[in-house]
Amino acid sequence: MLLARKENATETYAKLKDEYLTIKALLNVSGVNLVDIDKIKE
């Protein structure tokens, strides 16, 4: 995801970010704490 952002692939980055946020929300609802392992900080 960071590579897509670095290469200025805006559409790819946007799609990956949407999928990332969906997965993150599902894991959060499941009780997985992602604060410690989340590398993507904006």
Protein backbone atom coordinates (compact mmCIF):
# COMPACT_ATOMS: atom_id res chain seq x y z
CA MET A 1 0.00 0.00 0.00
CA LEU A 2 2.79 2.39 0.82
CA LEU A 3 4.49 1.47 -2.45
CA ALA A 4 1.36 2.39 -4.42
CA ARG A 5 1.31 5.74 -2.65
CA LYS A 6 5.02 6.29 -3.32
CA GLU A 7 4.60 5.51 -7.01
CA ASN A 8 1.67 7.97 -7.17
CA ALA A 9 -0.81 5.27 -8.16
CA THR A 10 -3.71 7.20 -6.71
CA GLU A 11 -6.51 4.86 -7.84
CA THR A 12 -4.66 1.78 -6.62
CA TYR A 13 -3.86 3.46 -3.32
CA ALA A 14 -7.47 4.53 -2.81
CA LYS A 15 -8.77 1.00 -3.46
CA LEU A 16 -6.17 -0.59 -1.18
CA LYS A 17 -6.94 1.93 1.55
CA ASP A 18 -10.67 1.12 1.34
CA GLU A 19 -9.95 -2.60 1.63
CA TYR A 20 -7.49 -2.00 4.47
CA LEU A 21 -10.05 0.01 6.44
CA THR A 22 -12.70 -2.67 5.90
CA ILE A 23 -10.39 -5.41 7.15
CA LYS A 24 -9.27 -3.25 10.06
CA ALA A 25 -12.90 -2.60 11.08
CA LEU A 26 -13.77 -6.31 10.90
CA LEU A 27 -10.78 -7.25 13.02
CA ASN A 28 -11.59 -4.51 15.51
CA VAL A 29 -15.16 -5.80 15.87
CA SER A 30 -13.72 -9.28 16.39
CA GLY A 31 -11.73 -7.98 19.34
CA VAL A 32 -8.29 -7.78 17.74
CA ASN A 33 -6.32 -4.77 19.00
CA LEU A 34 -4.51 -3.29 16.00
CA VAL A 35 -3.02 -0.26 17.74
CA ASP A 36 0.30 -1.96 18.42
CA ILE A 37 0.73 -3.55 14.99
CA ASP A 38 -0.68 -0.82 12.75
CA LYS A 39 2.21 0.47 10.60
CA ILE A 40 0.19 2.86 8.45
CA LYS A 41 0.03 6.26 10.10
CA GLU A 42 -1.29 9.22 8.16
